[in-house]
PDB file of N, CA and C in Angstrom:
ATOM      1  N   MET A   1       1.129  -1.190   0.363  1.00  0.00           N
ATOM      2  CA  MET A   1       0.139   0.236  -0.073  1.00  0.00           C
ATOM      3  C   MET A   1       0.663   1.708  -0.077  1.00  0.00           C
ATOM      4  N   THR A   2       0.442   2.450  -0.734  1.00  0.00           N
ATOM      5  CA  THR A   2       1.369   3.457  -1.114  1.00  0.00           C
ATOM      6  C   THR A   2       0.839   4.105  -0.153  1.00  0.00           C
ATOM      7  N   THR A   3       1.933   4.553   0.741  1.00  0.00           N
ATOM      8  CA  THR A   3       1.222   5.840   1.371  1.00  0.00           C
ATOM      9  C   THR A   3       1.371   7.386   1.370  1.00  0.00           C
ATOM     10  N   THR A   4      -0.005   8.245   1.990  1.00  0.00           N
ATOM     11  CA  THR A   4      -0.129   9.234   0.883  1.00  0.00           C
ATOM     12  C   THR A   4      -0.059  10.168   2.285  1.00  0.00           C
ATOM     13  N   PRO A   5      -0.153  11.517   1.659  1.00  0.00           N
ATOM     14  CA  PRO A   5      -0.519  12.533   2.720  1.00  0.00           C
ATOM     15  C   PRO A   5      -1.933  12.150   3.400  1.00  0.00           C
ATOM     16  N   GLU A   6      -2.638  11.965   3.186  1.00  0.00           N
ATOM     17  CA  GLU A   6      -4.429  11.878   4.031  1.00  0.00           C
ATOM     18  C   GLU A   6      -4.273  10.268   4.349  1.00  0.00           C
ATOM     19  N   LEU A   7      -3.260   9.563   4.632  1.00  0.00           N
ATOM     20  CA  LEU A   7      -3.042   8.422   5.587  1.00  0.00           C
ATOM     21  C   LEU A   7      -2.174   8.995   6.920  1.00  0.00           C
ATOM     22  N   ILE A   8      -1.888  10.018   6.173  1.00  0.00           N
ATOM     23  CA  ILE A   8      -0.098  10.559   7.917  1.00  0.00           C
ATOM     24  C   ILE A   8      -1.021  11.570   8.523  1.00  0.00           C
ATOM     25  N   HIS A   9      -2.364  12.092   7.544  1.00  0.00           N
ATOM     26  CA  HIS A   9      -3.053  13.255   8.979  1.00  0.00           C
ATOM     27  C   HIS A   9      -3.632  12.331   9.577  1.00  0.00           C
ATOM     28  N   GLY A  10      -4.316  10.980   8.924  1.00  0.00           N
ATOM     29  CA  GLY A  10      -4.940  10.261   9.926  1.00  0.00           C
ATOM     30  C   GLY A  10      -3.868   9.483  11.063  1.00  0.00           C
ATOM     31  N   TYR A  11      -3.179   8.934  10.229  1.00  0.00           N
ATOM     32  CA  TYR A  11      -2.323   8.031  12.249  1.00  0.00           C
ATOM     33  C   TYR A  11      -2.060   9.769  13.202  1.00  0.00           C
ATOM     34  N   ILE A  12      -1.729  10.892  12.222  1.00  0.00           N
ATOM     35  CA  ILE A  12      -1.685  11.657  13.761  1.00  0.00           C
ATOM     36  C   ILE A  12      -2.489  12.232  14.077  1.00  0.00           C
ATOM     37  N   SER A  13      -4.345  12.657  13.081  1.00  0.00           N
ATOM     38  CA  SER A  13      -4.959  12.854  14.542  1.00  0.00           C
ATOM     39  C   SER A  13      -5.535  11.945  15.253  1.00  0.00           C
ATOM     40  N   ALA A  14      -5.317  10.478  15.001  1.00  0.00           N
ATOM     41  CA  ALA A  14      -5.307   9.596  15.345  1.00  0.00           C
ATOM     42  C   ALA A  14      -4.824   9.960  16.924  1.00  0.00           C
ATOM     43  N   GLY A  15      -3.273   9.935  16.548  1.00  0.00           N
ATOM     44  CA  GLY A  15      -2.896   9.991  18.659  1.00  0.00           C
ATOM     45  C   GLY A  15      -2.985  11.284  18.612  1.00  0.00           C
ATOM     46  N   LEU A  16      -2.678  11.991  18.048  1.00  0.00           N
ATOM     47  CA  LEU A  16      -2.200  13.415  18.767  1.00  0.00           C
ATOM     48  C   LEU A  16      -3.444  14.721  18.533  1.00  0.00           C
ATOM     49  N   GLU A  17      -3.911  15.203  19.180  1.00  0.00           N
ATOM     50  CA  GLU A  17      -4.600  16.166  19.106  1.00  0.00           C
ATOM     51  C   GLU A  17      -4.350  17.167  18.665  1.00  0.00           C
ATOM     52  N   CYS A  18      -5.069  17.477  17.543  1.00  0.00           N
ATOM     53  CA  CYS A  18      -4.926  18.844  16.815  1.00  0.00           C
ATOM     54  C   CYS A  18      -5.421  19.842  16.632  1.00  0.00           C
ATOM     55  N   THR A  19      -5.812  20.459  16.193  1.00  0.00           N
ATOM     56  CA  THR A  19      -6.879  21.919  16.329  1.00  0.00           C
ATOM     57  C   THR A  19      -6.435  22.736  14.656  1.00  0.00           C
ATOM     58  N   HIS A  20      -4.906  22.787  13.964  1.00  0.00           N
ATOM     59  CA  HIS A  20      -5.296  22.587  13.121  1.00  0.00           C
ATOM     60  C   HIS A  20      -3.581  21.256  12.282  1.00  0.00           C
ATOM     61  N   LEU A  21      -4.272  21.110  11.557  1.00  0.00           N
ATOM     62  CA  LEU A  21      -2.735  19.547  11.286  1.00  0.00           C
ATOM     63  C   LEU A  21      -2.944  19.564   8.713  1.00  0.00           C
ATOM     64  N   GLU A  22      -1.988  20.487   8.835  1.00  0.00           N
ATOM     65  CA  GLU A  22      -2.110  19.915   7.036  1.00  0.00           C
ATOM     66  C   GLU A  22      -0.631  18.749   6.694  1.00  0.00           C
ATOM     67  N   VAL A  23      -1.348  17.925   5.886  1.00  0.00           N
ATOM     68  CA  VAL A  23       0.185  16.952   5.135  1.00  0.00           C
ATOM     69  C   VAL A  23      -0.276  16.958   3.540  1.00  0.00           C
ATOM     70  N   ASP A  24       1.718  17.268   3.169  1.00  0.00           N
ATOM     71  CA  ASP A  24       1.628  17.308   1.814  1.00  0.00           C
ATOM     72  C   ASP A  24       2.724  16.293   1.658  1.00  0.00           C
ATOM     73  N   GLY A  25       2.696  15.476   0.580  1.00  0.00           N
ATOM     74  CA  GLY A  25       3.733  14.774  -0.014  1.00  0.00           C
ATOM     75  C   GLY A  25       3.511  14.094  -1.425  1.00  0.00           C
ATOM     76  N   ASP A  26       4.774  13.256  -1.657  1.00  0.00           N
ATOM     77  CA  ASP A  26       4.702  12.844  -2.770  1.00  0.00           C
ATOM     78  C   ASP A  26       5.112  10.860  -3.350  1.00  0.00           C
ATOM     79  N   GLY A  27       4.467  10.518  -1.379  1.00  0.00           N
ATOM     80  CA  GLY A  27       4.779   8.943  -1.853  1.00  0.00           C
ATOM     81  C   GLY A  27       5.637   8.726  -0.647  1.00  0.00           C
ATOM     82  N   GLN A  28       7.201   9.587  -1.039  1.00  0.00           N
ATOM     83  CA  GLN A  28       8.127   8.946  -0.091  1.00  0.00           C
ATOM     84  C   GLN A  28       8.155  10.588   0.600  1.00  0.00           C
ATOM     85  N   HIS A  29       8.248  11.822   0.218  1.00  0.00           N
ATOM     86  CA  HIS A  29       8.843  12.806   1.097  1.00  0.00           C
ATOM     87  C   HIS A  29       7.426  13.525   1.693  1.00  0.00           C
ATOM     88  N   PHE A  30       7.159  14.083   3.041  1.00  0.00           N
ATOM     89  CA  PHE A  30       5.885  14.547   3.292  1.00  0.00           C
ATOM     90  C   PHE A  30       6.415  15.765   4.166  1.00  0.00           C
ATOM     91  N   THR A  31       5.373  16.124   4.052  1.00  0.00           N
ATOM     92  CA  THR A  31       5.760  18.101   5.064  1.00  0.00           C
ATOM     93  C   THR A  31       4.288  18.480   5.138  1.00  0.00           C
ATOM     94  N   ALA A  32       4.593  17.807   7.141  1.00  0.00           N
ATOM     95  CA  ALA A  32       3.360  18.796   8.089  1.00  0.00           C
ATOM     96  C   ALA A  32       3.593  19.765   9.088  1.00  0.00           C
ATOM     97  N   VAL A  33       2.542  20.280   8.616  1.00  0.00           N
ATOM     98  CA  VAL A  33       2.650  21.154   9.758  1.00  0.00           C
ATOM     99  C   VAL A  33       1.043  21.279  11.124  1.00  0.00           C
ATOM    100  N   ILE A  34       1.658  21.045  12.578  1.00  0.00           N
ATOM    101  CA  ILE A  34       0.747  20.236  12.937  1.00  0.00           C
ATOM    102  C   ILE A  34       0.885  21.255  14.540  1.00  0.00           C
ATOM    103  N   VAL A  35      -0.404  21.855  14.721  1.00  0.00           N
ATOM    104  CA  VAL A  35      -0.539  22.210  15.621  1.00  0.00           C
ATOM    105  C   VAL A  35      -1.273  22.133  16.614  1.00  0.00           C
ATOM    106  N   SER A  36      -0.674  21.784  18.130  1.00  0.00           N
ATOM    107  CA  SER A  36      -1.538  21.096  19.037  1.00  0.00           C
ATOM    108  C   SER A  36      -1.264  21.867  20.195  1.00  0.00           C
ATOM    109  N   THR A  37      -2.486  21.782  21.095  1.00  0.00           N
ATOM    110  CA  THR A  37      -2.076  22.653  22.914  1.00  0.00           C
ATOM    111  C   THR A  37      -1.061  21.343  23.659  1.00  0.00           C
ATOM    112  N   ALA A  38      -0.704  20.216  23.434  1.00  0.00           N
ATOM    113  CA  ALA A  38       0.679  19.134  23.354  1.00  0.00           C
ATOM    114  C   ALA A  38       1.539  19.930  23.534  1.00  0.00           C
ATOM    115  N   PHE A  39       2.033  20.704  22.080  1.00  0.00           N
ATOM    116  CA  PHE A  39       3.376  21.266  21.832  1.00  0.00           C
ATOM    117  C   PHE A  39       3.924  22.315  23.318  1.00  0.00           C
ATOM    118  N   ALA A  40       2.732  22.869  24.385  1.00  0.00           N
ATOM    119  CA  ALA A  40       2.759  23.627  25.068  1.00  0.00           C
ATOM    120  C   ALA A  40       4.231  24.052  25.723  1.00  0.00           C
ATOM    121  N   GLY A  41       5.109  25.307  25.219  1.00  0.00           N
ATOM    122  CA  GLY A  41       6.009  24.813  27.106  1.00  0.00           C
ATOM    123  C   GLY A  41       7.259  23.055  26.320  1.00  0.00           C
ATOM    124  N   LYS A  42       7.360  22.899  25.222  1.00  0.00           N
ATOM    125  CA  LYS A  42       7.972  21.908  24.452  1.00  0.00           C
ATOM    126  C   LYS A  42       9.131  22.251  23.500  1.00  0.00           C
ATOM    127  N   ARG A  43      10.023  22.285  23.768  1.00  0.00           N
ATOM    128  CA  ARG A  43      11.330  22.472  22.826  1.00  0.00           C
ATOM    129  C   ARG A  43      10.956  21.572  21.576  1.00  0.00           C
ATOM    130  N   PRO A  44      11.273  22.037  20.763  1.00  0.00           N
ATOM    131  CA  PRO A  44      11.696  21.605  18.923  1.00  0.00           C
ATOM    132  C   PRO A  44      11.581  20.080  18.882  1.00  0.00           C
ATOM    133  N   ILE A  45      11.933  19.009  19.622  1.00  0.00           N
ATOM    134  CA  ILE A  45      12.804  17.972  19.437  1.00  0.00           C
ATOM    135  C   ILE A  45      11.566  17.215  20.973  1.00  0.00           C
ATOM    136  N   GLN A  46      11.246  17.500  21.822  1.00  0.00           N
ATOM    137  CA  GLN A  46      10.304  17.062  22.295  1.00  0.00           C
ATOM    138  C   GLN A  46       8.907  17.074  21.509  1.00  0.00           C
ATOM    139  N   ARG A  47       9.175  17.899  21.316  1.00  0.00           N
ATOM    140  CA  ARG A  47       7.288  18.282  19.670  1.00  0.00           C
ATOM    141  C   ARG A  47       7.775  17.143  19.290  1.00  0.00           C
ATOM    142  N   HIS A  48       8.976  17.052  17.963  1.00  0.00           N
ATOM    143  CA  HIS A  48       8.994  16.334  17.354  1.00  0.00           C
ATOM    144  C   HIS A  48       8.953  14.814  17.604  1.00  0.00           C
ATOM    145  N   GLN A  49       9.338  14.328  18.972  1.00  0.00           N
ATOM    146  CA  GLN A  49       8.992  13.069  19.781  1.00  0.00           C
ATOM    147  C   GLN A  49       7.767  12.664  19.741  1.00  0.00           C
ATOM    148  N   ILE A  50       6.716  13.653  20.273  1.00  0.00           N
ATOM    149  CA  ILE A  50       5.203  13.747  20.315  1.00  0.00           C
ATOM    150  C   ILE A  50       4.569  13.450  19.109  1.00  0.00           C
ATOM    151  N   VAL A  51       5.384  13.822  17.982  1.00  0.00           N
ATOM    152  CA  VAL A  51       4.073  13.367  16.734  1.00  0.00           C
ATOM    153  C   VAL A  51       4.802  11.850  16.135  1.00  0.00           C
ATOM    154  N   TYR A  52       5.951  11.524  16.637  1.00  0.00           N
ATOM    155  CA  TYR A  52       6.807  10.252  16.267  1.00  0.00           C
ATOM    156  C   TYR A  52       5.749   9.143  17.115  1.00  0.00           C
ATOM    157  N   ALA A  53       5.432   9.074  18.477  1.00  0.00           N
ATOM    158  CA  ALA A  53       5.357   9.014  19.351  1.00  0.00           C
ATOM    159  C   ALA A  53       3.733   8.710  18.668  1.00  0.00           C
ATOM    160  N   ALA A  54       3.124   9.303  18.391  1.00  0.00           N
ATOM    161  CA  ALA A  54       2.145   9.206  17.227  1.00  0.00           C
ATOM    162  C   ALA A  54       1.824   8.728  16.189  1.00  0.00           C
ATOM    163  N   LEU A  55       2.563   8.510  15.722  1.00  0.00           N
ATOM    164  CA  LEU A  55       2.834   7.526  14.513  1.00  0.00           C
ATOM    165  C   LEU A  55       3.304   5.926  14.536  1.00  0.00           C
ATOM    166  N   GLY A  56       4.276   6.121  16.023  1.00  0.00           N
ATOM    167  CA  GLY A  56       4.656   4.609  15.943  1.00  0.00           C
ATOM    168  C   GLY A  56       5.560   4.062  15.153  1.00  0.00           C
ATOM    169  N   GLU A  57       5.407   3.081  15.057  1.00  0.00           N
ATOM    170  CA  GLU A  57       5.630   2.162  14.135  1.00  0.00           C
ATOM    171  C   GLU A  57       5.994   1.835  13.002  1.00  0.00           C
ATOM    172  N   ARG A  58       4.982   2.791  11.679  1.00  0.00           N
ATOM    173  CA  ARG A  58       4.517   3.807  10.994  1.00  0.00           C
ATOM    174  C   ARG A  58       6.189   4.483  10.440  1.00  0.00           C
ATOM    175  N   MET A  59       6.672   5.657  10.906  1.00  0.00           N
ATOM    176  CA  MET A  59       8.406   6.092  10.820  1.00  0.00           C
ATOM    177  C   MET A  59       8.769   5.015  10.637  1.00  0.00           C
ATOM    178  N   ARG A  60       9.217   4.622  10.790  1.00  0.00           N
ATOM    179  CA  ARG A  60      10.552   3.062  10.096  1.00  0.00           C
ATOM    180  C   ARG A  60       9.983   2.757   9.295  1.00  0.00           C
ATOM    181  N   GLU A  61       8.552   1.936   8.829  1.00  0.00           N
ATOM    182  CA  GLU A  61       8.120   1.182   8.227  1.00  0.00           C
ATOM    183  C   GLU A  61       7.006   1.491   6.550  1.00  0.00           C
ATOM    184  N   GLU A  62       6.774   2.657   6.955  1.00  0.00           N
ATOM    185  CA  GLU A  62       5.837   3.318   5.965  1.00  0.00           C
ATOM    186  C   GLU A  62       6.687   4.754   5.478  1.00  0.00           C
ATOM    187  N   ILE A  63       6.811   5.356   6.464  1.00  0.00           N
ATOM    188  CA  ILE A  63       7.155   6.852   5.838  1.00  0.00           C
ATOM    189  C   ILE A  63       8.497   7.156   5.758  1.00  0.00           C
ATOM    190  N   HIS A  64       9.421   7.550   4.774  1.00  0.00           N
ATOM    191  CA  HIS A  64      10.662   7.887   5.103  1.00  0.00           C
ATOM    192  C   HIS A  64      10.724   8.790   5.521  1.00  0.00           C
ATOM    193  N   ALA A  65      10.347  10.238   4.822  1.00  0.00           N
ATOM    194  CA  ALA A  65      10.555  11.443   4.867  1.00  0.00           C
ATOM    195  C   ALA A  65      10.089  12.145   5.635  1.00  0.00           C
ATOM    196  N   LEU A  66       9.430  12.588   6.348  1.00  0.00           N
ATOM    197  CA  LEU A  66       8.737  14.022   7.168  1.00  0.00           C
ATOM    198  C   LEU A  66       8.931  14.702   7.727  1.00  0.00           C
ATOM    199  N   SER A  67       9.236  15.987   6.909  1.00  0.00           N
ATOM    200  CA  SER A  67       9.269  16.772   7.747  1.00  0.00           C
ATOM    201  C   SER A  67       8.330  18.160   8.521  1.00  0.00           C
ATOM    202  N   MET A  68       8.265  18.648   9.934  1.00  0.00           N
ATOM    203  CA  MET A  68       7.416  18.793  10.354  1.00  0.00           C
ATOM    204  C   MET A  68       7.404  20.246  10.932  1.00  0.00           C
ATOM    205  N   LYS A  69       6.627  21.256  10.735  1.00  0.00           N
ATOM    206  CA  LYS A  69       6.491  22.153  11.817  1.00  0.00           C
ATOM    207  C   LYS A  69       5.887  22.277  12.493  1.00  0.00           C
ATOM    208  N   THR A  70       5.652  21.730  13.893  1.00  0.00           N
ATOM    209  CA  THR A  70       5.494  21.708  14.970  1.00  0.00           C
ATOM    210  C   THR A  70       5.331  22.856  15.565  1.00  0.00           C
ATOM    211  N   LEU A  71       4.135  23.541  16.204  1.00  0.00           N
ATOM    212  CA  LEU A  71       3.350  24.526  16.707  1.00  0.00           C
ATOM    213  C   LEU A  71       2.243  24.805  17.802  1.00  0.00           C
ATOM    214  N   THR A  72       2.677  25.702  18.486  1.00  0.00           N
ATOM    215  CA  THR A  72       0.938  26.042  19.978  1.00  0.00           C
ATOM    216  C   THR A  72       0.338  26.483  18.845  1.00  0.00           C
ATOM    217  N   PRO A  73      -1.334  26.218  19.720  1.00  0.00           N
ATOM    218  CA  PRO A  73      -2.230  27.800  18.807  1.00  0.00           C
ATOM    219  C   PRO A  73      -1.655  29.177  18.882  1.00  0.00           C
ATOM    220  N   GLU A  74      -1.049  29.068  19.822  1.00  0.00           N
ATOM    221  CA  GLU A  74      -0.241  30.975  20.014  1.00  0.00           C
ATOM    222  C   GLU A  74       0.376  30.637  18.891  1.00  0.00           C
ATOM    223  N   GLU A  75       1.486  29.914  18.833  1.00  0.00           N
ATOM    224  CA  GLU A  75       2.455  30.597  17.537  1.00  0.00           C
ATOM    225  C   GLU A  75       1.590  30.175  15.971  1.00  0.00           C
ATOM    226  N   TYR A  76       0.929  29.644  16.325  1.00  0.00           N
ATOM    227  CA  TYR A  76       0.007  29.151  14.222  1.00  0.00           C
ATOM    228  C   TYR A  76      -0.291  30.724  14.285  1.00  0.00           C
ATOM    229  N   GLN A  77      -0.968  31.128  15.199  1.00  0.00           N
ATOM    230  CA  GLN A  77      -1.487  32.483  15.058  1.00  0.00           C
ATOM    231  C   GLN A  77      -1.029  33.548  14.509  1.00  0.00           C
ATOM    232  N   GLY A  78      -0.204  33.431  15.208  1.00  0.00           N
ATOM    233  CA  GLY A  78       1.121  34.558  15.727  1.00  0.00           C
ATOM    234  C   GLY A  78       1.562  35.705  14.587  1.00  0.00           C
TER     235      GLY A  78
END
């Protein structure tokens, strides 16, 4: 099965409450803008770890490259 932006969107939204989520990609490389209150007070690496936890094993098996912009709702409104 080919990984699509829609699948990744579903994986992230199932494992992380997001106020805004955009995922784009070509089947190999993906980009995401992820806005969540869970990122409040977290450093960028901690925010990425939260997303990786939501994706679980899919990060190793299905998703080869994911570039993320992780923001709190306040940062997104900025």
